[in-house]
Amino acid sequence: PVPKLTFEAKCRVDTAAFYEAVDDATIVSDYARIIIRPNELVISSKSDVQTHVTRLEKDGSLVHEISTDKEVSASFSLAYLEKIMSASKTLSDETGIELSTNKPIKLSFPLTGGKIEFLIAPRLE
């Protein structure tokens, strides 16, 4: 059975843009912090010598919707995110992201007649 989770924030973004942000983050680290704010989605990764940040702003064409009244964030394995995004990037033009602070992330991809959903546990530091 699928766990019943409630999320503090959700957004819908362009799949290609989110895939590129995840792919870029792998150059720097093996995990990324995903942050949803009322006005933007942020994907950041850092190592001892380098930091990479991608910001997708609500006013732009790549973010279709953001629904939250506060900042929420959690860290996730880029290995899992990259595998999911690589497999899903050709299936759907849009990625749904649902998140709560330091809780699992839900990624959903709408398809004709249904959708594919993934849950990924957070990386706790």
PDB file of N, CA and C in Angstrom:
ATOM      1  N   PRO A   1       0.827  -1.200   0.000  1.00  0.00           N
ATOM      2  CA  PRO A   1       0.000   0.000   0.000  1.00  0.00           C
ATOM      3  C   PRO A   1       0.872   1.265   0.000  1.00  0.00           C
ATOM      4  N   VAL A   2       0.333   2.300  -0.586  1.00  0.00           N
ATOM      5  CA  VAL A   2       1.020   3.586  -0.639  1.00  0.00           C
ATOM      6  C   VAL A   2       0.799   4.313   0.684  1.00  0.00           C
ATOM      7  N   PRO A   3       1.881   4.827   1.306  1.00  0.00           N
ATOM      8  CA  PRO A   3       1.718   5.555   2.568  1.00  0.00           C
ATOM      9  C   PRO A   3       0.863   6.810   2.385  1.00  0.00           C
ATOM     10  N   LYS A   4       0.070   7.113   3.390  1.00  0.00           N
ATOM     11  CA  LYS A   4      -0.731   8.339   3.385  1.00  0.00           C
ATOM     12  C   LYS A   4       0.114   9.453   4.001  1.00  0.00           C
ATOM     13  N   LEU A   5       0.534  10.386   3.181  1.00  0.00           N
ATOM     14  CA  LEU A   5       1.366  11.490   3.640  1.00  0.00           C
ATOM     15  C   LEU A   5       0.671  12.808   3.348  1.00  0.00           C
ATOM     16  N   THR A   6       0.905  13.785   4.190  1.00  0.00           N
ATOM     17  CA  THR A   6       0.446  15.137   3.907  1.00  0.00           C
ATOM     18  C   THR A   6       1.683  15.988   3.640  1.00  0.00           C
ATOM     19  N   PHE A   7       1.555  16.927   2.743  1.00  0.00           N
ATOM     20  CA  PHE A   7       2.691  17.740   2.332  1.00  0.00           C
ATOM     21  C   PHE A   7       2.402  19.211   2.593  1.00  0.00           C
ATOM     22  N   GLU A   8       3.437  19.943   2.994  1.00  0.00           N
ATOM     23  CA  GLU A   8       3.303  21.366   3.298  1.00  0.00           C
ATOM     24  C   GLU A   8       3.428  22.247   2.053  1.00  0.00           C
ATOM     25  N   ALA A   9       4.007  21.694   0.994  1.00  0.00           N
ATOM     26  CA  ALA A   9       4.207  22.486  -0.222  1.00  0.00           C
ATOM     27  C   ALA A   9       4.096  21.591  -1.440  1.00  0.00           C
ATOM     28  N   LYS A  10       3.641  22.190  -2.526  1.00  0.00           N
ATOM     29  CA  LYS A  10       3.663  21.460  -3.786  1.00  0.00           C
ATOM     30  C   LYS A  10       3.893  22.438  -4.918  1.00  0.00           C
ATOM     31  N   CYS A  11       4.465  21.902  -5.982  1.00  0.00           N
ATOM     32  CA  CYS A  11       4.667  22.717  -7.172  1.00  0.00           C
ATOM     33  C   CYS A  11       4.622  21.823  -8.402  1.00  0.00           C
ATOM     34  N   ARG A  12       4.402  22.456  -9.534  1.00  0.00           N
ATOM     35  CA  ARG A  12       4.432  21.772 -10.828  1.00  0.00           C
ATOM     36  C   ARG A  12       5.440  22.510 -11.687  1.00  0.00           C
ATOM     37  N   VAL A  13       6.404  21.763 -12.222  1.00  0.00           N
ATOM     38  CA  VAL A  13       7.479  22.384 -12.989  1.00  0.00           C
ATOM     39  C   VAL A  13       7.702  21.642 -14.304  1.00  0.00           C
ATOM     40  N   ASP A  14       8.403  22.296 -15.197  1.00  0.00           N
ATOM     41  CA  ASP A  14       8.795  21.697 -16.460  1.00  0.00           C
ATOM     42  C   ASP A  14       9.753  20.531 -16.190  1.00  0.00           C
ATOM     43  N   THR A  15       9.444  19.353 -16.704  1.00  0.00           N
ATOM     44  CA  THR A  15      10.251  18.159 -16.442  1.00  0.00           C
ATOM     45  C   THR A  15      11.683  18.325 -16.926  1.00  0.00           C
ATOM     46  N   ALA A  16      11.880  18.864 -18.114  1.00  0.00           N
ATOM     47  CA  ALA A  16      13.237  19.024 -18.650  1.00  0.00           C
ATOM     48  C   ALA A  16      14.074  19.947 -17.766  1.00  0.00           C
ATOM     49  N   ALA A  17      13.487  21.011 -17.252  1.00  0.00           N
ATOM     50  CA  ALA A  17      14.207  21.945 -16.381  1.00  0.00           C
ATOM     51  C   ALA A  17      14.578  21.286 -15.057  1.00  0.00           C
ATOM     52  N   PHE A  18      13.658  20.509 -14.481  1.00  0.00           N
ATOM     53  CA  PHE A  18      13.957  19.829 -13.218  1.00  0.00           C
ATOM     54  C   PHE A  18      15.014  18.749 -13.437  1.00  0.00           C
ATOM     55  N   TYR A  19      14.921  18.011 -14.534  1.00  0.00           N
ATOM     56  CA  TYR A  19      15.931  17.000 -14.859  1.00  0.00           C
ATOM     57  C   TYR A  19      17.308  17.655 -14.990  1.00  0.00           C
ATOM     58  N   GLU A  20      17.384  18.775 -15.681  1.00  0.00           N
ATOM     59  CA  GLU A  20      18.661  19.469 -15.859  1.00  0.00           C
ATOM     60  C   GLU A  20      19.220  19.950 -14.523  1.00  0.00           C
ATOM     61  N   ALA A  21      18.366  20.452 -13.638  1.00  0.00           N
ATOM     62  CA  ALA A  21      18.806  20.904 -12.317  1.00  0.00           C
ATOM     63  C   ALA A  21      19.366  19.743 -11.499  1.00  0.00           C
ATOM     64  N   VAL A  22      18.697  18.598 -11.552  1.00  0.00           N
ATOM     65  CA  VAL A  22      19.177  17.401 -10.844  1.00  0.00           C
ATOM     66  C   VAL A  22      20.496  16.941 -11.447  1.00  0.00           C
ATOM     67  N   ASP A  23      20.568  16.888 -12.758  1.00  0.00           N
ATOM     68  CA  ASP A  23      21.784  16.459 -13.448  1.00  0.00           C
ATOM     69  C   ASP A  23      22.956  17.386 -13.122  1.00  0.00           C
ATOM     70  N   ASP A  24      22.731  18.691 -13.124  1.00  0.00           N
ATOM     71  CA  ASP A  24      23.783  19.651 -12.782  1.00  0.00           C
ATOM     72  C   ASP A  24      24.263  19.469 -11.345  1.00  0.00           C
ATOM     73  N   ALA A  25      23.355  19.166 -10.441  1.00  0.00           N
ATOM     74  CA  ALA A  25      23.715  18.994  -9.029  1.00  0.00           C
ATOM     75  C   ALA A  25      24.643  17.803  -8.815  1.00  0.00           C
ATOM     76  N   THR A  26      24.552  16.785  -9.673  1.00  0.00           N
ATOM     77  CA  THR A  26      25.400  15.590  -9.513  1.00  0.00           C
ATOM     78  C   THR A  26      26.870  15.889  -9.755  1.00  0.00           C
ATOM     79  N   ILE A  27      27.175  16.975 -10.422  1.00  0.00           N
ATOM     80  CA  ILE A  27      28.569  17.344 -10.672  1.00  0.00           C
ATOM     81  C   ILE A  27      29.266  17.717  -9.371  1.00  0.00           C
ATOM     82  N   VAL A  28      28.516  18.217  -8.410  1.00  0.00           N
ATOM     83  CA  VAL A  28      29.080  18.754  -7.179  1.00  0.00           C
ATOM     84  C   VAL A  28      29.011  17.777  -6.008  1.00  0.00           C
ATOM     85  N   SER A  29      27.938  16.992  -5.914  1.00  0.00           N
ATOM     86  CA  SER A  29      27.723  16.175  -4.717  1.00  0.00           C
ATOM     87  C   SER A  29      26.890  14.945  -5.054  1.00  0.00           C
ATOM     88  N   ASP A  30      26.701  14.095  -4.052  1.00  0.00           N
ATOM     89  CA  ASP A  30      25.851  12.915  -4.240  1.00  0.00           C
ATOM     90  C   ASP A  30      24.471  13.111  -3.618  1.00  0.00           C
ATOM     91  N   TYR A  31      24.217  14.309  -3.075  1.00  0.00           N
ATOM     92  CA  TYR A  31      22.883  14.622  -2.569  1.00  0.00           C
ATOM     93  C   TYR A  31      22.546  16.077  -2.892  1.00  0.00           C
ATOM     94  N   ALA A  32      21.268  16.383  -2.892  1.00  0.00           N
ATOM     95  CA  ALA A  32      20.807  17.748  -3.157  1.00  0.00           C
ATOM     96  C   ALA A  32      19.758  18.143  -2.131  1.00  0.00           C
ATOM     97  N   ARG A  33      19.716  19.422  -1.850  1.00  0.00           N
ATOM     98  CA  ARG A  33      18.673  19.985  -0.994  1.00  0.00           C
ATOM     99  C   ARG A  33      17.632  20.598  -1.922  1.00  0.00           C
ATOM    100  N   ILE A  34      16.391  20.198  -1.737  1.00  0.00           N
ATOM    101  CA  ILE A  34      15.292  20.760  -2.516  1.00  0.00           C
ATOM    102  C   ILE A  34      14.496  21.663  -1.584  1.00  0.00           C
ATOM    103  N   ILE A  35      14.303  22.889  -2.029  1.00  0.00           N
ATOM    104  CA  ILE A  35      13.618  23.904  -1.230  1.00  0.00           C
ATOM    105  C   ILE A  35      12.453  24.448  -2.055  1.00  0.00           C
ATOM    106  N   ILE A  36      11.275  24.463  -1.453  1.00  0.00           N
ATOM    107  CA  ILE A  36      10.133  25.128  -2.086  1.00  0.00           C
ATOM    108  C   ILE A  36       9.781  26.333  -1.223  1.00  0.00           C
ATOM    109  N   ARG A  37       9.806  27.490  -1.856  1.00  0.00           N
ATOM    110  CA  ARG A  37       9.404  28.745  -1.218  1.00  0.00           C
ATOM    111  C   ARG A  37       8.161  29.252  -1.952  1.00  0.00           C
ATOM    112  N   PRO A  38       7.444  30.204  -1.381  1.00  0.00           N
ATOM    113  CA  PRO A  38       6.254  30.708  -2.069  1.00  0.00           C
ATOM    114  C   PRO A  38       6.516  31.240  -3.480  1.00  0.00           C
ATOM    115  N   ASN A  39       7.760  31.652  -3.755  1.00  0.00           N
ATOM    116  CA  ASN A  39       8.054  32.253  -5.056  1.00  0.00           C
ATOM    117  C   ASN A  39       9.054  31.476  -5.913  1.00  0.00           C
ATOM    118  N   GLU A  40       9.582  30.339  -5.424  1.00  0.00           N
ATOM    119  CA  GLU A  40      10.581  29.627  -6.216  1.00  0.00           C
ATOM    120  C   GLU A  40      10.811  28.202  -5.723  1.00  0.00           C
ATOM    121  N   LEU A  41      11.374  27.403  -6.639  1.00  0.00           N
ATOM    122  CA  LEU A  41      11.876  26.065  -6.340  1.00  0.00           C
ATOM    123  C   LEU A  41      13.387  26.151  -6.460  1.00  0.00           C
ATOM    124  N   VAL A  42      14.111  25.664  -5.446  1.00  0.00           N
ATOM    125  CA  VAL A  42      15.570  25.716  -5.439  1.00  0.00           C
ATOM    126  C   VAL A  42      16.110  24.301  -5.300  1.00  0.00           C
ATOM    127  N   ILE A  43      17.099  23.969  -6.130  1.00  0.00           N
ATOM    128  CA  ILE A  43      17.808  22.696  -6.030  1.00  0.00           C
ATOM    129  C   ILE A  43      19.267  23.053  -5.818  1.00  0.00           C
ATOM    130  N   SER A  44      19.830  22.670  -4.668  1.00  0.00           N
ATOM    131  CA  SER A  44      21.217  23.031  -4.380  1.00  0.00           C
ATOM    132  C   SER A  44      22.005  21.808  -3.944  1.00  0.00           C
ATOM    133  N   SER A  45      23.276  21.826  -4.293  1.00  0.00           N
ATOM    134  CA  SER A  45      24.191  20.776  -3.849  1.00  0.00           C
ATOM    135  C   SER A  45      25.510  21.438  -3.505  1.00  0.00           C
ATOM    136  N   LYS A  46      26.254  20.835  -2.565  1.00  0.00           N
ATOM    137  CA  LYS A  46      27.534  21.427  -2.197  1.00  0.00           C
ATOM    138  C   LYS A  46      28.515  20.353  -1.771  1.00  0.00           C
ATOM    139  N   SER A  47      29.764  20.678  -1.980  1.00  0.00           N
ATOM    140  CA  SER A  47      30.864  19.837  -1.521  1.00  0.00           C
ATOM    141  C   SER A  47      31.789  20.738  -0.711  1.00  0.00           C
ATOM    142  N   ASP A  48      32.939  20.209  -0.329  1.00  0.00           N
ATOM    143  CA  ASP A  48      33.887  21.014   0.440  1.00  0.00           C
ATOM    144  C   ASP A  48      34.436  22.187  -0.361  1.00  0.00           C
ATOM    145  N   VAL A  49      34.436  22.066  -1.682  1.00  0.00           N
ATOM    146  CA  VAL A  49      35.066  23.097  -2.509  1.00  0.00           C
ATOM    147  C   VAL A  49      34.112  23.827  -3.451  1.00  0.00           C
ATOM    148  N   GLN A  50      32.895  23.351  -3.583  1.00  0.00           N
ATOM    149  CA  GLN A  50      32.011  23.922  -4.600  1.00  0.00           C
ATOM    150  C   GLN A  50      30.551  23.850  -4.161  1.00  0.00           C
ATOM    151  N   THR A  51      29.775  24.817  -4.627  1.00  0.00           N
ATOM    152  CA  THR A  51      28.328  24.841  -4.402  1.00  0.00           C
ATOM    153  C   THR A  51      27.639  25.089  -5.737  1.00  0.00           C
ATOM    154  N   HIS A  52      26.531  24.399  -5.952  1.00  0.00           N
ATOM    155  CA  HIS A  52      25.735  24.625  -7.163  1.00  0.00           C
ATOM    156  C   HIS A  52      24.288  24.878  -6.747  1.00  0.00           C
ATOM    157  N   VAL A  53      23.688  25.914  -7.310  1.00  0.00           N
ATOM    158  CA  VAL A  53      22.300  26.258  -6.993  1.00  0.00           C
ATOM    159  C   VAL A  53      21.545  26.532  -8.295  1.00  0.00           C
ATOM    160  N   THR A  54      20.389  25.892  -8.444  1.00  0.00           N
ATOM    161  CA  THR A  54      19.477  26.196  -9.547  1.00  0.00           C
ATOM    162  C   THR A  54      18.192  26.740  -8.940  1.00  0.00           C
ATOM    163  N   ARG A  55      17.758  27.892  -9.437  1.00  0.00           N
ATOM    164  CA  ARG A  55      16.519  28.514  -8.970  1.00  0.00           C
ATOM    165  C   ARG A  55      15.521  28.550 -10.124  1.00  0.00           C
ATOM    166  N   LEU A  56      14.362  28.003  -9.887  1.00  0.00           N
ATOM    167  CA  LEU A  56      13.272  28.076 -10.862  1.00  0.00           C
ATOM    168  C   LEU A  56      12.194  28.954 -10.238  1.00  0.00           C
ATOM    169  N   GLU A  57      12.013  30.141 -10.785  1.00  0.00           N
ATOM    170  CA  GLU A  57      11.128  31.127 -10.176  1.00  0.00           C
ATOM    171  C   GLU A  57       9.689  30.996 -10.664  1.00  0.00           C
ATOM    172  N   LYS A  58       8.783  31.289  -9.757  1.00  0.00           N
ATOM    173  CA  LYS A  58       7.346  31.170 -10.032  1.00  0.00           C
ATOM    174  C   LYS A  58       6.910  32.041 -11.210  1.00  0.00           C
ATOM    175  N   ASP A  59       7.537  33.180 -11.384  1.00  0.00           N
ATOM    176  CA  ASP A  59       7.159  34.090 -12.465  1.00  0.00           C
ATOM    177  C   ASP A  59       7.613  33.607 -13.838  1.00  0.00           C
ATOM    178  N   GLY A  60       8.506  32.623 -13.880  1.00  0.00           N
ATOM    179  CA  GLY A  60       9.029  32.149 -15.155  1.00  0.00           C
ATOM    180  C   GLY A  60       8.128  31.119 -15.810  1.00  0.00           C
ATOM    181  N   SER A  61       8.501  30.727 -17.007  1.00  0.00           N
ATOM    182  CA  SER A  61       7.686  29.770 -17.766  1.00  0.00           C
ATOM    183  C   SER A  61       7.920  28.322 -17.345  1.00  0.00           C
ATOM    184  N   LEU A  62       8.948  28.063 -16.523  1.00  0.00           N
ATOM    185  CA  LEU A  62       9.289  26.689 -16.150  1.00  0.00           C
ATOM    186  C   LEU A  62       8.555  26.202 -14.904  1.00  0.00           C
ATOM    187  N   VAL A  63       8.053  27.124 -14.105  1.00  0.00           N
ATOM    188  CA  VAL A  63       7.281  26.770 -12.909  1.00  0.00           C
ATOM    189  C   VAL A  63       5.817  27.063 -13.207  1.00  0.00           C
ATOM    190  N   HIS A  64       5.006  26.030 -13.223  1.00  0.00           N
ATOM    191  CA  HIS A  64       3.594  26.187 -13.576  1.00  0.00           C
ATOM    192  C   HIS A  64       2.733  26.549 -12.372  1.00  0.00           C
ATOM    193  N   GLU A  65       3.175  26.131 -11.179  1.00  0.00           N
ATOM    194  CA  GLU A  65       2.385  26.397  -9.966  1.00  0.00           C
ATOM    195  C   GLU A  65       3.264  26.158  -8.751  1.00  0.00           C
ATOM    196  N   ILE A  66       3.095  26.995  -7.726  1.00  0.00           N
ATOM    197  CA  ILE A  66       3.672  26.740  -6.403  1.00  0.00           C
ATOM    198  C   ILE A  66       2.570  26.997  -5.396  1.00  0.00           C
ATOM    199  N   SER A  67       2.413  26.060  -4.472  1.00  0.00           N
ATOM    200  CA  SER A  67       1.391  26.198  -3.445  1.00  0.00           C
ATOM    201  C   SER A  67       2.028  25.949  -2.080  1.00  0.00           C
ATOM    202  N   THR A  68       2.391  27.029  -1.394  1.00  0.00           N
ATOM    203  CA  THR A  68       2.907  26.965  -0.027  1.00  0.00           C
ATOM    204  C   THR A  68       2.894  28.372   0.552  1.00  0.00           C
ATOM    205  N   ASP A  69       2.819  28.461   1.870  1.00  0.00           N
ATOM    206  CA  ASP A  69       2.891  29.768   2.500  1.00  0.00           C
ATOM    207  C   ASP A  69       4.160  29.924   3.326  1.00  0.00           C
ATOM    208  N   LYS A  70       5.059  28.925   3.230  1.00  0.00           N
ATOM    209  CA  LYS A  70       6.318  29.000   3.966  1.00  0.00           C
ATOM    210  C   LYS A  70       7.379  28.194   3.221  1.00  0.00           C
ATOM    211  N   GLU A  71       8.612  28.346   3.662  1.00  0.00           N
ATOM    212  CA  GLU A  71       9.707  27.582   3.067  1.00  0.00           C
ATOM    213  C   GLU A  71       9.739  26.173   3.651  1.00  0.00           C
ATOM    214  N   VAL A  72       9.848  25.178   2.779  1.00  0.00           N
ATOM    215  CA  VAL A  72      10.037  23.789   3.206  1.00  0.00           C
ATOM    216  C   VAL A  72      11.238  23.235   2.453  1.00  0.00           C
ATOM    217  N   SER A  73      11.968  22.314   3.098  1.00  0.00           N
ATOM    218  CA  SER A  73      13.160  21.780   2.442  1.00  0.00           C
ATOM    219  C   SER A  73      13.534  20.424   3.011  1.00  0.00           C
ATOM    220  N   ALA A  74      14.241  19.668   2.202  1.00  0.00           N
ATOM    221  CA  ALA A  74      14.776  18.375   2.615  1.00  0.00           C
ATOM    222  C   ALA A  74      15.877  17.996   1.629  1.00  0.00           C
ATOM    223  N   SER A  75      16.762  17.101   2.065  1.00  0.00           N
ATOM    224  CA  SER A  75      17.861  16.628   1.223  1.00  0.00           C
ATOM    225  C   SER A  75      17.569  15.216   0.737  1.00  0.00           C
ATOM    226  N   PHE A  76      18.010  14.945  -0.499  1.00  0.00           N
ATOM    227  CA  PHE A  76      17.739  13.651  -1.120  1.00  0.00           C
ATOM    228  C   PHE A  76      18.944  13.154  -1.893  1.00  0.00           C
ATOM    229  N   SER A  77      19.038  11.838  -2.008  1.00  0.00           N
ATOM    230  CA  SER A  77      20.084  11.208  -2.800  1.00  0.00           C
ATOM    231  C   SER A  77      19.911  11.575  -4.268  1.00  0.00           C
ATOM    232  N   LEU A  78      20.978  12.065  -4.871  1.00  0.00           N
ATOM    233  CA  LEU A  78      20.914  12.384  -6.294  1.00  0.00           C
ATOM    234  C   LEU A  78      20.892  11.132  -7.149  1.00  0.00           C
ATOM    235  N   ALA A  79      21.416  10.031  -6.641  1.00  0.00           N
ATOM    236  CA  ALA A  79      21.368   8.775  -7.402  1.00  0.00           C
ATOM    237  C   ALA A  79      19.918   8.381  -7.668  1.00  0.00           C
ATOM    238  N   TYR A  80      19.071   8.462  -6.640  1.00  0.00           N
ATOM    239  CA  TYR A  80      17.653   8.133  -6.820  1.00  0.00           C
ATOM    240  C   TYR A  80      16.951   9.162  -7.702  1.00  0.00           C
ATOM    241  N   LEU A  81      17.173  10.442  -7.411  1.00  0.00           N
ATOM    242  CA  LEU A  81      16.522  11.489  -8.195  1.00  0.00           C
ATOM    243  C   LEU A  81      16.905  11.402  -9.666  1.00  0.00           C
ATOM    244  N   GLU A  82      18.184  11.173  -9.927  1.00  0.00           N
ATOM    245  CA  GLU A  82      18.638  11.122 -11.316  1.00  0.00           C
ATOM    246  C   GLU A  82      18.042   9.922 -12.059  1.00  0.00           C
ATOM    247  N   LYS A  83      17.969   8.776 -11.409  1.00  0.00           N
ATOM    248  CA  LYS A  83      17.375   7.596 -12.054  1.00  0.00           C
ATOM    249  C   LYS A  83      15.897   7.827 -12.374  1.00  0.00           C
ATOM    250  N   ILE A  84      15.171   8.381 -11.435  1.00  0.00           N
ATOM    251  CA  ILE A  84      13.743   8.645 -11.650  1.00  0.00           C
ATOM    252  C   ILE A  84      13.547   9.667 -12.762  1.00  0.00           C
ATOM    253  N   MET A  85      14.311  10.751 -12.718  1.00  0.00           N
ATOM    254  CA  MET A  85      14.146  11.798 -13.727  1.00  0.00           C
ATOM    255  C   MET A  85      14.593  11.324 -15.104  1.00  0.00           C
ATOM    256  N   SER A  86      15.644  10.541 -15.147  1.00  0.00           N
ATOM    257  CA  SER A  86      16.125  10.020 -16.431  1.00  0.00           C
ATOM    258  C   SER A  86      15.079   9.115 -17.076  1.00  0.00           C
ATOM    259  N   ALA A  87      14.437   8.289 -16.263  1.00  0.00           N
ATOM    260  CA  ALA A  87      13.414   7.373 -16.779  1.00  0.00           C
ATOM    261  C   ALA A  87      12.121   8.099 -17.136  1.00  0.00           C
ATOM    262  N   SER A  88      11.838   9.207 -16.466  1.00  0.00           N
ATOM    263  CA  SER A  88      10.545   9.883 -16.624  1.00  0.00           C
ATOM    264  C   SER A  88      10.565  11.076 -17.567  1.00  0.00           C
ATOM    265  N   LYS A  89      11.741  11.551 -17.932  1.00  0.00           N
ATOM    266  CA  LYS A  89      11.818  12.806 -18.691  1.00  0.00           C
ATOM    267  C   LYS A  89      11.132  12.753 -20.051  1.00  0.00           C
ATOM    268  N   THR A  90      11.024  11.576 -20.632  1.00  0.00           N
ATOM    269  CA  THR A  90      10.361  11.476 -21.934  1.00  0.00           C
ATOM    270  C   THR A  90       8.878  11.111 -21.813  1.00  0.00           C
ATOM    271  N   LEU A  91       8.428  10.811 -20.594  1.00  0.00           N
ATOM    272  CA  LEU A  91       7.043  10.394 -20.399  1.00  0.00           C
ATOM    273  C   LEU A  91       6.073  11.553 -20.206  1.00  0.00           C
ATOM    274  N   SER A  92       6.561  12.633 -19.589  1.00  0.00           N
ATOM    275  CA  SER A  92       5.672  13.736 -19.242  1.00  0.00           C
ATOM    276  C   SER A  92       6.427  15.058 -19.321  1.00  0.00           C
ATOM    277  N   ASP A  93       5.752  16.100 -19.774  1.00  0.00           N
ATOM    278  CA  ASP A  93       6.358  17.431 -19.842  1.00  0.00           C
ATOM    279  C   ASP A  93       6.353  18.132 -18.494  1.00  0.00           C
ATOM    280  N   GLU A  94       5.591  17.595 -17.542  1.00  0.00           N
ATOM    281  CA  GLU A  94       5.414  18.255 -16.255  1.00  0.00           C
ATOM    282  C   GLU A  94       5.750  17.301 -15.116  1.00  0.00           C
ATOM    283  N   THR A  95       6.414  17.844 -14.091  1.00  0.00           N
ATOM    284  CA  THR A  95       6.725  17.089 -12.883  1.00  0.00           C
ATOM    285  C   THR A  95       6.019  17.746 -11.705  1.00  0.00           C
ATOM    286  N   GLY A  96       5.258  16.966 -10.958  1.00  0.00           N
ATOM    287  CA  GLY A  96       4.655  17.446  -9.726  1.00  0.00           C
ATOM    288  C   GLY A  96       5.579  17.106  -8.571  1.00  0.00           C
ATOM    289  N   ILE A  97       5.830  18.077  -7.706  1.00  0.00           N
ATOM    290  CA  ILE A  97       6.717  17.885  -6.558  1.00  0.00           C
ATOM    291  C   ILE A  97       5.934  18.254  -5.313  1.00  0.00           C
ATOM    292  N   GLU A  98       5.878  17.326  -4.353  1.00  0.00           N
ATOM    293  CA  GLU A  98       5.225  17.600  -3.074  1.00  0.00           C
ATOM    294  C   GLU A  98       6.239  17.334  -1.975  1.00  0.00           C
ATOM    295  N   LEU A  99       6.309  18.252  -1.001  1.00  0.00           N
ATOM    296  CA  LEU A  99       7.400  18.216  -0.030  1.00  0.00           C
ATOM    297  C   LEU A  99       6.969  18.796   1.310  1.00  0.00           C
ATOM    298  N   SER A 100       7.530  18.245   2.368  1.00  0.00           N
ATOM    299  CA  SER A 100       7.472  18.807   3.712  1.00  0.00           C
ATOM    300  C   SER A 100       8.889  18.769   4.263  1.00  0.00           C
ATOM    301  N   THR A 101       9.189  19.623   5.230  1.00  0.00           N
ATOM    302  CA  THR A 101      10.548  19.699   5.752  1.00  0.00           C
ATOM    303  C   THR A 101      10.988  18.370   6.356  1.00  0.00           C
ATOM    304  N   ASN A 102      12.122  17.882   5.838  1.00  0.00           N
ATOM    305  CA  ASN A 102      12.765  16.636   6.281  1.00  0.00           C
ATOM    306  C   ASN A 102      11.841  15.420   6.265  1.00  0.00           C
ATOM    307  N   LYS A 103      10.952  15.399   5.296  1.00  0.00           N
ATOM    308  CA  LYS A 103      10.036  14.270   5.075  1.00  0.00           C
ATOM    309  C   LYS A 103      10.248  13.761   3.652  1.00  0.00           C
ATOM    310  N   PRO A 104       9.642  12.636   3.289  1.00  0.00           N
ATOM    311  CA  PRO A 104       9.782  12.139   1.915  1.00  0.00           C
ATOM    312  C   PRO A 104       9.264  13.143   0.881  1.00  0.00           C
ATOM    313  N   ILE A 105       9.814  13.044  -0.308  1.00  0.00           N
ATOM    314  CA  ILE A 105       9.358  13.848  -1.437  1.00  0.00           C
ATOM    315  C   ILE A 105       8.507  12.953  -2.331  1.00  0.00           C
ATOM    316  N   LYS A 106       7.474  13.537  -2.899  1.00  0.00           N
ATOM    317  CA  LYS A 106       6.633  12.811  -3.852  1.00  0.00           C
ATOM    318  C   LYS A 106       6.801  13.478  -5.216  1.00  0.00           C
ATOM    319  N   LEU A 107       7.229  12.686  -6.189  1.00  0.00           N
ATOM    320  CA  LEU A 107       7.347  13.151  -7.565  1.00  0.00           C
ATOM    321  C   LEU A 107       6.256  12.480  -8.376  1.00  0.00           C
ATOM    322  N   SER A 108       5.514  13.251  -9.142  1.00  0.00           N
ATOM    323  CA  SER A 108       4.450  12.666  -9.961  1.00  0.00           C
ATOM    324  C   SER A 108       4.550  13.186 -11.391  1.00  0.00           C
ATOM    325  N   PHE A 109       4.195  12.301 -12.301  1.00  0.00           N
ATOM    326  CA  PHE A 109       4.283  12.584 -13.730  1.00  0.00           C
ATOM    327  C   PHE A 109       2.948  12.240 -14.372  1.00  0.00           C
ATOM    328  N   PRO A 110       2.163  13.255 -14.776  1.00  0.00           N
ATOM    329  CA  PRO A 110       0.872  12.969 -15.401  1.00  0.00           C
ATOM    330  C   PRO A 110       1.046  12.337 -16.779  1.00  0.00           C
ATOM    331  N   LEU A 111       0.247  11.334 -17.040  1.00  0.00           N
ATOM    332  CA  LEU A 111       0.241  10.640 -18.324  1.00  0.00           C
ATOM    333  C   LEU A 111      -1.180  10.627 -18.858  1.00  0.00           C
ATOM    334  N   THR A 112      -1.340  10.308 -20.113  1.00  0.00           N
ATOM    335  CA  THR A 112      -2.679  10.150 -20.665  1.00  0.00           C
ATOM    336  C   THR A 112      -3.347   8.968 -19.969  1.00  0.00           C
ATOM    337  N   GLY A 113      -4.427   9.212 -19.277  1.00  0.00           N
ATOM    338  CA  GLY A 113      -5.153   8.146 -18.600  1.00  0.00           C
ATOM    339  C   GLY A 113      -4.584   7.726 -17.257  1.00  0.00           C
ATOM    340  N   GLY A 114      -3.665   8.496 -16.685  1.00  0.00           N
ATOM    341  CA  GLY A 114      -3.119   8.124 -15.382  1.00  0.00           C
ATOM    342  C   GLY A 114      -1.922   8.965 -14.998  1.00  0.00           C
ATOM    343  N   LYS A 115      -1.106   8.439 -14.084  1.00  0.00           N
ATOM    344  CA  LYS A 115       0.106   9.126 -13.656  1.00  0.00           C
ATOM    345  C   LYS A 115       1.053   8.118 -13.020  1.00  0.00           C
ATOM    346  N   ILE A 116       2.309   8.496 -12.961  1.00  0.00           N
ATOM    347  CA  ILE A 116       3.329   7.711 -12.267  1.00  0.00           C
ATOM    348  C   ILE A 116       3.770   8.539 -11.071  1.00  0.00           C
ATOM    349  N   GLU A 117       3.875   7.899  -9.899  1.00  0.00           N
ATOM    350  CA  GLU A 117       4.302   8.598  -8.692  1.00  0.00           C
ATOM    351  C   GLU A 117       5.448   7.853  -8.031  1.00  0.00           C
ATOM    352  N   PHE A 118       6.381   8.621  -7.463  1.00  0.00           N
ATOM    353  CA  PHE A 118       7.509   8.069  -6.723  1.00  0.00           C
ATOM    354  C   PHE A 118       7.596   8.767  -5.376  1.00  0.00           C
ATOM    355  N   LEU A 119       7.949   8.021  -4.341  1.00  0.00           N
ATOM    356  CA  LEU A 119       8.258   8.582  -3.030  1.00  0.00           C
ATOM    357  C   LEU A 119       9.719   8.278  -2.738  1.00  0.00           C
ATOM    358  N   ILE A 120      10.453   9.285  -2.275  1.00  0.00           N
ATOM    359  CA  ILE A 120      11.856   9.098  -1.917  1.00  0.00           C
ATOM    360  C   ILE A 120      12.041   9.580  -0.485  1.00  0.00           C
ATOM    361  N   ALA A 121      12.666   8.745   0.337  1.00  0.00           N
ATOM    362  CA  ALA A 121      12.946   9.123   1.718  1.00  0.00           C
ATOM    363  C   ALA A 121      14.031  10.196   1.747  1.00  0.00           C
ATOM    364  N   PRO A 122      13.963  11.095   2.722  1.00  0.00           N
ATOM    365  CA  PRO A 122      14.977  12.146   2.798  1.00  0.00           C
ATOM    366  C   PRO A 122      16.302  11.611   3.330  1.00  0.00           C
ATOM    367  N   ARG A 123      17.342  12.339   3.031  1.00  0.00           N
ATOM    368  CA  ARG A 123      18.671  12.067   3.585  1.00  0.00           C
ATOM    369  C   ARG A 123      18.776  12.931   4.835  1.00  0.00           C
ATOM    370  N   LEU A 124      18.824  12.308   5.984  1.00  0.00           N
ATOM    371  CA  LEU A 124      18.888  13.059   7.236  1.00  0.00           C
ATOM    372  C   LEU A 124      20.338  13.277   7.620  1.00  0.00           C
ATOM    373  N   GLU A 125      20.654  14.514   7.962  1.00  0.00           N
ATOM    374  CA  GLU A 125      22.037  14.868   8.289  1.00  0.00           C
ATOM    375  C   GLU A 125      22.227  14.953   9.777  1.00  0.00           C
TER     376      GLU A 125
END
